[in-house]
PDB file of N, CA and C in Angstrom:
ATOM      1  N   MET A   1    -244.939 -72.925  60.949  1.00  0.00           N
ATOM      2  CA  MET A   1    -243.157 -72.205  60.871  1.00  0.00           C
ATOM      3  C   MET A   1    -242.906 -71.327  62.138  1.00  0.00           C
ATOM      4  N   SER A   2    -241.272 -71.908  62.621  1.00  0.00           N
ATOM      5  CA  SER A   2    -241.254 -71.049  63.347  1.00  0.00           C
ATOM      6  C   SER A   2    -239.907 -70.312  63.176  1.00  0.00           C
ATOM      7  N   ALA A   3    -239.470 -69.319  63.179  1.00  0.00           N
ATOM      8  CA  ALA A   3    -238.609 -68.644  63.136  1.00  0.00           C
ATOM      9  C   ALA A   3    -237.837 -67.792  64.347  1.00  0.00           C
ATOM     10  N   LYS A   4    -236.494 -68.475  63.797  1.00  0.00           N
ATOM     11  CA  LYS A   4    -235.835 -67.874  65.083  1.00  0.00           C
ATOM     12  C   LYS A   4    -235.682 -66.643  65.254  1.00  0.00           C
ATOM     13  N   PRO A   5    -235.344 -65.686  65.760  1.00  0.00           N
ATOM     14  CA  PRO A   5    -234.731 -64.505  66.017  1.00  0.00           C
ATOM     15  C   PRO A   5    -233.423 -64.435  65.912  1.00  0.00           C
ATOM     16  N   GLN A   6    -233.044 -63.648  64.821  1.00  0.00           N
ATOM     17  CA  GLN A   6    -231.710 -63.124  65.187  1.00  0.00           C
ATOM     18  C   GLN A   6    -230.851 -61.748  65.910  1.00  0.00           C
ATOM     19  N   THR A   7    -230.034 -62.261  66.920  1.00  0.00           N
ATOM     20  CA  THR A   7    -229.745 -61.216  67.265  1.00  0.00           C
ATOM     21  C   THR A   7    -228.291 -60.825  67.127  1.00  0.00           C
ATOM     22  N   ALA A   8    -228.182 -59.667  66.991  1.00  0.00           N
ATOM     23  CA  ALA A   8    -226.120 -59.513  66.758  1.00  0.00           C
ATOM     24  C   ALA A   8    -225.777 -60.293  68.427  1.00  0.00           C
ATOM     25  N   GLN A   9    -224.591 -60.847  67.924  1.00  0.00           N
ATOM     26  CA  GLN A   9    -223.628 -61.767  68.818  1.00  0.00           C
ATOM     27  C   GLN A   9    -223.215 -60.493  70.079  1.00  0.00           C
ATOM     28  N   GLU A  10    -222.817 -59.125  69.550  1.00  0.00           N
ATOM     29  CA  GLU A  10    -222.086 -58.224  70.990  1.00  0.00           C
ATOM     30  C   GLU A  10    -223.531 -57.937  71.390  1.00  0.00           C
ATOM     31  N   HIS A  11    -224.696 -58.445  71.169  1.00  0.00           N
ATOM     32  CA  HIS A  11    -225.700 -57.603  72.060  1.00  0.00           C
ATOM     33  C   HIS A  11    -226.311 -58.596  73.411  1.00  0.00           C
ATOM     34  N   VAL A  12    -226.258 -59.706  72.897  1.00  0.00           N
ATOM     35  CA  VAL A  12    -226.716 -61.189  73.745  1.00  0.00           C
ATOM     36  C   VAL A  12    -226.196 -61.020  75.313  1.00  0.00           C
ATOM     37  N   GLU A  13    -227.215 -60.825  76.298  1.00  0.00           N
ATOM     38  CA  GLU A  13    -226.775 -61.050  77.477  1.00  0.00           C
ATOM     39  C   GLU A  13    -227.239 -62.207  78.291  1.00  0.00           C
ATOM     40  N   ILE A  14    -225.902 -62.975  78.938  1.00  0.00           N
ATOM     41  CA  ILE A  14    -226.400 -64.039  79.300  1.00  0.00           C
ATOM     42  C   ILE A  14    -226.594 -63.695  81.007  1.00  0.00           C
ATOM     43  N   PRO A  15    -227.795 -64.033  81.638  1.00  0.00           N
ATOM     44  CA  PRO A  15    -228.224 -63.672  82.697  1.00  0.00           C
ATOM     45  C   PRO A  15    -227.311 -64.323  83.729  1.00  0.00           C
ATOM     46  N   GLY A  16    -226.787 -63.659  84.987  1.00  0.00           N
ATOM     47  CA  GLY A  16    -226.135 -63.838  86.125  1.00  0.00           C
ATOM     48  C   GLY A  16    -226.185 -63.470  87.288  1.00  0.00           C
ATOM     49  N   ILE A  17    -225.536 -63.430  88.290  1.00  0.00           N
ATOM     50  CA  ILE A  17    -225.432 -62.942  89.595  1.00  0.00           C
ATOM     51  C   ILE A  17    -224.128 -62.159  89.687  1.00  0.00           C
ATOM     52  N   CYS A  18    -224.338 -61.035  90.041  1.00  0.00           N
ATOM     53  CA  CYS A  18    -222.592 -60.157  90.602  1.00  0.00           C
ATOM     54  C   CYS A  18    -222.187 -60.772  91.384  1.00  0.00           C
ATOM     55  N   PHE A  19    -220.771 -60.572  91.042  1.00  0.00           N
ATOM     56  CA  PHE A  19    -219.843 -61.408  91.807  1.00  0.00           C
ATOM     57  C   PHE A  19    -218.558 -61.073  92.629  1.00  0.00           C
ATOM     58  N   ILE A  20    -219.285 -59.343  93.493  1.00  0.00           N
ATOM     59  CA  ILE A  20    -218.357 -58.681  93.765  1.00  0.00           C
ATOM     60  C   ILE A  20    -218.472 -58.711  95.149  1.00  0.00           C
ATOM     61  N   ARG A  21    -217.566 -59.139  96.139  1.00  0.00           N
ATOM     62  CA  ARG A  21    -217.593 -59.744  97.161  1.00  0.00           C
ATOM     63  C   ARG A  21    -217.263 -58.244  98.057  1.00  0.00           C
ATOM     64  N   GLN A  22    -217.787 -58.744  99.517  1.00  0.00           N
ATOM     65  CA  GLN A  22    -217.636 -57.770 100.378  1.00  0.00           C
ATOM     66  C   GLN A  22    -216.596 -57.620 100.843  1.00  0.00           C
ATOM     67  N   ARG A  23    -215.989 -56.486 101.184  1.00  0.00           N
ATOM     68  CA  ARG A  23    -214.530 -56.196 101.585  1.00  0.00           C
ATOM     69  C   ARG A  23    -214.215 -56.734 103.133  1.00  0.00           C
ATOM     70  N   GLU A  24    -215.549 -56.460 103.642  1.00  0.00           N
ATOM     71  CA  GLU A  24    -214.949 -56.905 105.316  1.00  0.00           C
ATOM     72  C   GLU A  24    -215.697 -58.320 105.634  1.00  0.00           C
ATOM     73  N   GLY A  25    -216.253 -58.681 104.659  1.00  0.00           N
ATOM     74  CA  GLY A  25    -216.208 -60.201 104.993  1.00  0.00           C
ATOM     75  C   GLY A  25    -216.352 -61.125 103.533  1.00  0.00           C
ATOM     76  N   GLU A  26    -216.932 -61.994 103.668  1.00  0.00           N
ATOM     77  CA  GLU A  26    -216.744 -63.250 102.693  1.00  0.00           C
ATOM     78  C   GLU A  26    -218.485 -63.225 102.163  1.00  0.00           C
ATOM     79  N   ARG A  27    -218.736 -62.358 102.016  1.00  0.00           N
ATOM     80  CA  ARG A  27    -220.488 -62.371 101.259  1.00  0.00           C
ATOM     81  C   ARG A  27    -220.419 -62.382 100.244  1.00  0.00           C
ATOM     82  N   ARG A  28    -220.970 -62.595  99.055  1.00  0.00           N
ATOM     83  CA  ARG A  28    -220.754 -62.265  97.469  1.00  0.00           C
ATOM     84  C   ARG A  28    -222.495 -61.497  97.430  1.00  0.00           C
ATOM     85  N   CYS A  29    -222.094 -60.155  96.657  1.00  0.00           N
ATOM     86  CA  CYS A  29    -223.904 -59.964  96.169  1.00  0.00           C
ATOM     87  C   CYS A  29    -224.350 -61.362  95.080  1.00  0.00           C
ATOM     88  N   THR A  30    -225.936 -60.939  95.440  1.00  0.00           N
ATOM     89  CA  THR A  30    -226.284 -62.030  95.131  1.00  0.00           C
ATOM     90  C   THR A  30    -227.664 -61.105  93.858  1.00  0.00           C
ATOM     91  N   LEU A  31    -227.010 -59.920  93.510  1.00  0.00           N
ATOM     92  CA  LEU A  31    -229.009 -59.465  92.446  1.00  0.00           C
ATOM     93  C   LEU A  31    -227.552 -59.654  91.359  1.00  0.00           C
ATOM     94  N   SER A  32    -228.621 -59.878  90.019  1.00  0.00           N
ATOM     95  CA  SER A  32    -228.202 -60.052  88.891  1.00  0.00           C
ATOM     96  C   SER A  32    -227.272 -58.444  88.566  1.00  0.00           C
ATOM     97  N   ALA A  33    -226.371 -59.043  87.790  1.00  0.00           N
ATOM     98  CA  ALA A  33    -225.100 -58.769  87.415  1.00  0.00           C
ATOM     99  C   ALA A  33    -225.429 -57.469  86.132  1.00  0.00           C
ATOM    100  N   GLY A  34    -225.072 -56.559  87.093  1.00  0.00           N
ATOM    101  CA  GLY A  34    -225.270 -55.459  86.212  1.00  0.00           C
ATOM    102  C   GLY A  34    -226.338 -53.808  86.690  1.00  0.00           C
ATOM    103  N   HIS A  35    -226.480 -54.373  88.248  1.00  0.00           N
ATOM    104  CA  HIS A  35    -227.806 -53.964  88.992  1.00  0.00           C
ATOM    105  C   HIS A  35    -226.894 -52.345  88.903  1.00  0.00           C
ATOM    106  N   HIS A  36    -227.814 -51.569  89.494  1.00  0.00           N
ATOM    107  CA  HIS A  36    -227.864 -50.504  89.984  1.00  0.00           C
ATOM    108  C   HIS A  36    -227.781 -50.222  92.032  1.00  0.00           C
ATOM    109  N   GLY A  37    -226.939 -49.234  92.318  1.00  0.00           N
ATOM    110  CA  GLY A  37    -227.079 -49.189  93.550  1.00  0.00           C
ATOM    111  C   GLY A  37    -226.323 -49.907  94.282  1.00  0.00           C
ATOM    112  N   ASP A  38    -226.629 -50.381  96.066  1.00  0.00           N
ATOM    113  CA  ASP A  38    -225.943 -50.772  96.744  1.00  0.00           C
ATOM    114  C   ASP A  38    -226.143 -52.350  95.929  1.00  0.00           C
ATOM    115  N   HIS A  39    -224.811 -53.160  97.129  1.00  0.00           N
ATOM    116  CA  HIS A  39    -225.052 -54.705  96.349  1.00  0.00           C
ATOM    117  C   HIS A  39    -225.740 -54.752  97.805  1.00  0.00           C
ATOM    118  N   ARG A  40    -226.305 -56.399  97.490  1.00  0.00           N
ATOM    119  CA  ARG A  40    -226.892 -56.928  98.704  1.00  0.00           C
ATOM    120  C   ARG A  40    -226.874 -58.520  98.656  1.00  0.00           C
ATOM    121  N   HIS A  41    -226.761 -59.267 100.020  1.00  0.00           N
ATOM    122  CA  HIS A  41    -226.997 -60.695  99.280  1.00  0.00           C
ATOM    123  C   HIS A  41    -228.128 -61.094 100.893  1.00  0.00           C
ATOM    124  N   PHE A  42    -228.889 -61.386  99.894  1.00  0.00           N
ATOM    125  CA  PHE A  42    -230.357 -61.845 100.340  1.00  0.00           C
ATOM    126  C   PHE A  42    -230.250 -63.522 101.514  1.00  0.00           C
ATOM    127  N   TYR A  43    -228.946 -64.032 101.732  1.00  0.00           N
ATOM    128  CA  TYR A  43    -228.669 -65.499 102.817  1.00  0.00           C
ATOM    129  C   TYR A  43    -228.140 -65.100 103.125  1.00  0.00           C
ATOM    130  N   SER A  44    -228.211 -63.746 103.934  1.00  0.00           N
ATOM    131  CA  SER A  44    -227.099 -64.087 105.155  1.00  0.00           C
ATOM    132  C   SER A  44    -228.072 -63.243 106.360  1.00  0.00           C
ATOM    133  N   GLY A  45    -227.688 -62.765 107.259  1.00  0.00           N
ATOM    134  CA  GLY A  45    -228.548 -61.492 108.294  1.00  0.00           C
ATOM    135  C   GLY A  45    -228.800 -62.296 109.217  1.00  0.00           C
ATOM    136  N   PRO A  46    -229.410 -61.635 109.982  1.00  0.00           N
ATOM    137  CA  PRO A  46    -230.116 -62.542 111.618  1.00  0.00           C
ATOM    138  C   PRO A  46    -231.231 -63.104 110.647  1.00  0.00           C
ATOM    139  N   LEU A  47    -231.933 -64.469 111.085  1.00  0.00           N
ATOM    140  CA  LEU A  47    -233.585 -65.158 110.677  1.00  0.00           C
ATOM    141  C   LEU A  47    -234.358 -64.287 112.108  1.00  0.00           C
ATOM    142  N   THR A  48    -235.777 -64.124 111.279  1.00  0.00           N
ATOM    143  CA  THR A  48    -236.570 -63.503 112.320  1.00  0.00           C
ATOM    144  C   THR A  48    -238.205 -64.204 111.328  1.00  0.00           C
ATOM    145  N   HIS A  49    -238.387 -64.954 112.243  1.00  0.00           N
ATOM    146  CA  HIS A  49    -239.497 -65.098 111.908  1.00  0.00           C
ATOM    147  C   HIS A  49    -239.450 -66.042 110.460  1.00  0.00           C
ATOM    148  N   GLY A  50    -238.641 -67.098 110.647  1.00  0.00           N
ATOM    149  CA  GLY A  50    -237.984 -67.901 109.852  1.00  0.00           C
ATOM    150  C   GLY A  50    -237.622 -67.473 108.141  1.00  0.00           C
ATOM    151  N   PHE A  51    -237.605 -65.523 108.208  1.00  0.00           N
ATOM    152  CA  PHE A  51    -236.728 -65.436 107.299  1.00  0.00           C
ATOM    153  C   PHE A  51    -235.154 -64.639 107.490  1.00  0.00           C
ATOM    154  N   ARG A  52    -234.636 -64.655 106.580  1.00  0.00           N
ATOM    155  CA  ARG A  52    -233.568 -63.903 106.614  1.00  0.00           C
ATOM    156  C   ARG A  52    -233.773 -62.620 106.173  1.00  0.00           C
ATOM    157  N   ALA A  53    -233.026 -61.082 107.118  1.00  0.00           N
ATOM    158  CA  ALA A  53    -233.006 -60.176 106.132  1.00  0.00           C
ATOM    159  C   ALA A  53    -232.510 -59.747 105.363  1.00  0.00           C
ATOM    160  N   GLY A  54    -230.998 -60.228 105.257  1.00  0.00           N
ATOM    161  CA  GLY A  54    -230.317 -60.256 104.432  1.00  0.00           C
ATOM    162  C   GLY A  54    -229.399 -58.878 104.648  1.00  0.00           C
ATOM    163  N   THR A  55    -228.117 -58.743 103.836  1.00  0.00           N
ATOM    164  CA  THR A  55    -226.874 -57.925 104.502  1.00  0.00           C
ATOM    165  C   THR A  55    -226.905 -57.309 103.389  1.00  0.00           C
ATOM    166  N   SER A  56    -226.774 -55.788 103.502  1.00  0.00           N
ATOM    167  CA  SER A  56    -225.973 -55.076 101.871  1.00  0.00           C
ATOM    168  C   SER A  56    -224.966 -53.692 102.156  1.00  0.00           C
ATOM    169  N   TRP A  57    -223.995 -53.259 101.461  1.00  0.00           N
ATOM    170  CA  TRP A  57    -223.263 -52.610 100.882  1.00  0.00           C
ATOM    171  C   TRP A  57    -222.995 -51.730  99.852  1.00  0.00           C
ATOM    172  N   PRO A  58    -222.506 -50.221  99.772  1.00  0.00           N
ATOM    173  CA  PRO A  58    -222.452 -49.716  99.118  1.00  0.00           C
ATOM    174  C   PRO A  58    -221.670 -50.034  98.095  1.00  0.00           C
ATOM    175  N   ARG A  59    -221.900 -49.406  96.411  1.00  0.00           N
ATOM    176  CA  ARG A  59    -220.640 -50.293  95.806  1.00  0.00           C
ATOM    177  C   ARG A  59    -219.996 -48.710  95.925  1.00  0.00           C
ATOM    178  N   ARG A  60    -218.478 -49.295  95.817  1.00  0.00           N
ATOM    179  CA  ARG A  60    -217.473 -48.604  95.275  1.00  0.00           C
ATOM    180  C   ARG A  60    -216.673 -48.742  94.081  1.00  0.00           C
ATOM    181  N   GLY A  61    -215.590 -47.788  93.856  1.00  0.00           N
ATOM    182  CA  GLY A  61    -215.180 -47.506  92.970  1.00  0.00           C
ATOM    183  C   GLY A  61    -214.135 -48.256  92.161  1.00  0.00           C
ATOM    184  N   GLY A  62    -213.894 -48.930  91.118  1.00  0.00           N
ATOM    185  CA  GLY A  62    -212.929 -49.747  90.797  1.00  0.00           C
ATOM    186  C   GLY A  62    -213.419 -51.175  91.008  1.00  0.00           C
ATOM    187  N   GLU A  63    -214.659 -51.878  91.393  1.00  0.00           N
ATOM    188  CA  GLU A  63    -215.170 -53.243  91.750  1.00  0.00           C
ATOM    189  C   GLU A  63    -215.189 -54.040  89.999  1.00  0.00           C
ATOM    190  N   THR A  64    -214.918 -54.658  90.219  1.00  0.00           N
ATOM    191  CA  THR A  64    -214.934 -55.876  88.893  1.00  0.00           C
ATOM    192  C   THR A  64    -215.817 -57.181  89.245  1.00  0.00           C
ATOM    193  N   GLN A  65    -215.943 -57.529  88.612  1.00  0.00           N
ATOM    194  CA  GLN A  65    -216.986 -58.634  88.349  1.00  0.00           C
ATOM    195  C   GLN A  65    -215.782 -60.066  88.911  1.00  0.00           C
ATOM    196  N   ALA A  66    -216.612 -60.727  89.696  1.00  0.00           N
ATOM    197  CA  ALA A  66    -215.540 -62.148  90.168  1.00  0.00           C
ATOM    198  C   ALA A  66    -214.413 -61.442  90.895  1.00  0.00           C
ATOM    199  N   ASP A  67    -214.116 -60.778  91.629  1.00  0.00           N
ATOM    200  CA  ASP A  67    -213.505 -59.319  92.678  1.00  0.00           C
ATOM    201  C   ASP A  67    -213.637 -60.729  93.346  1.00  0.00           C
TER     202      ASP A  67
END
């Protein structure tokens, strides 16, 4: 018999990505929502040996999701 764990609805987290747009361009952060530190876009930057280096930019005050 399997019991479904009970979780209070206000504590449920749905995984997603951080939707903060880089002010200087059109890139959006591709880290998980609520991450700490700088924003990062892994699918941009120069191609080196078949891999993208990615780009990063600092977190700024007043940012909101889906900015």
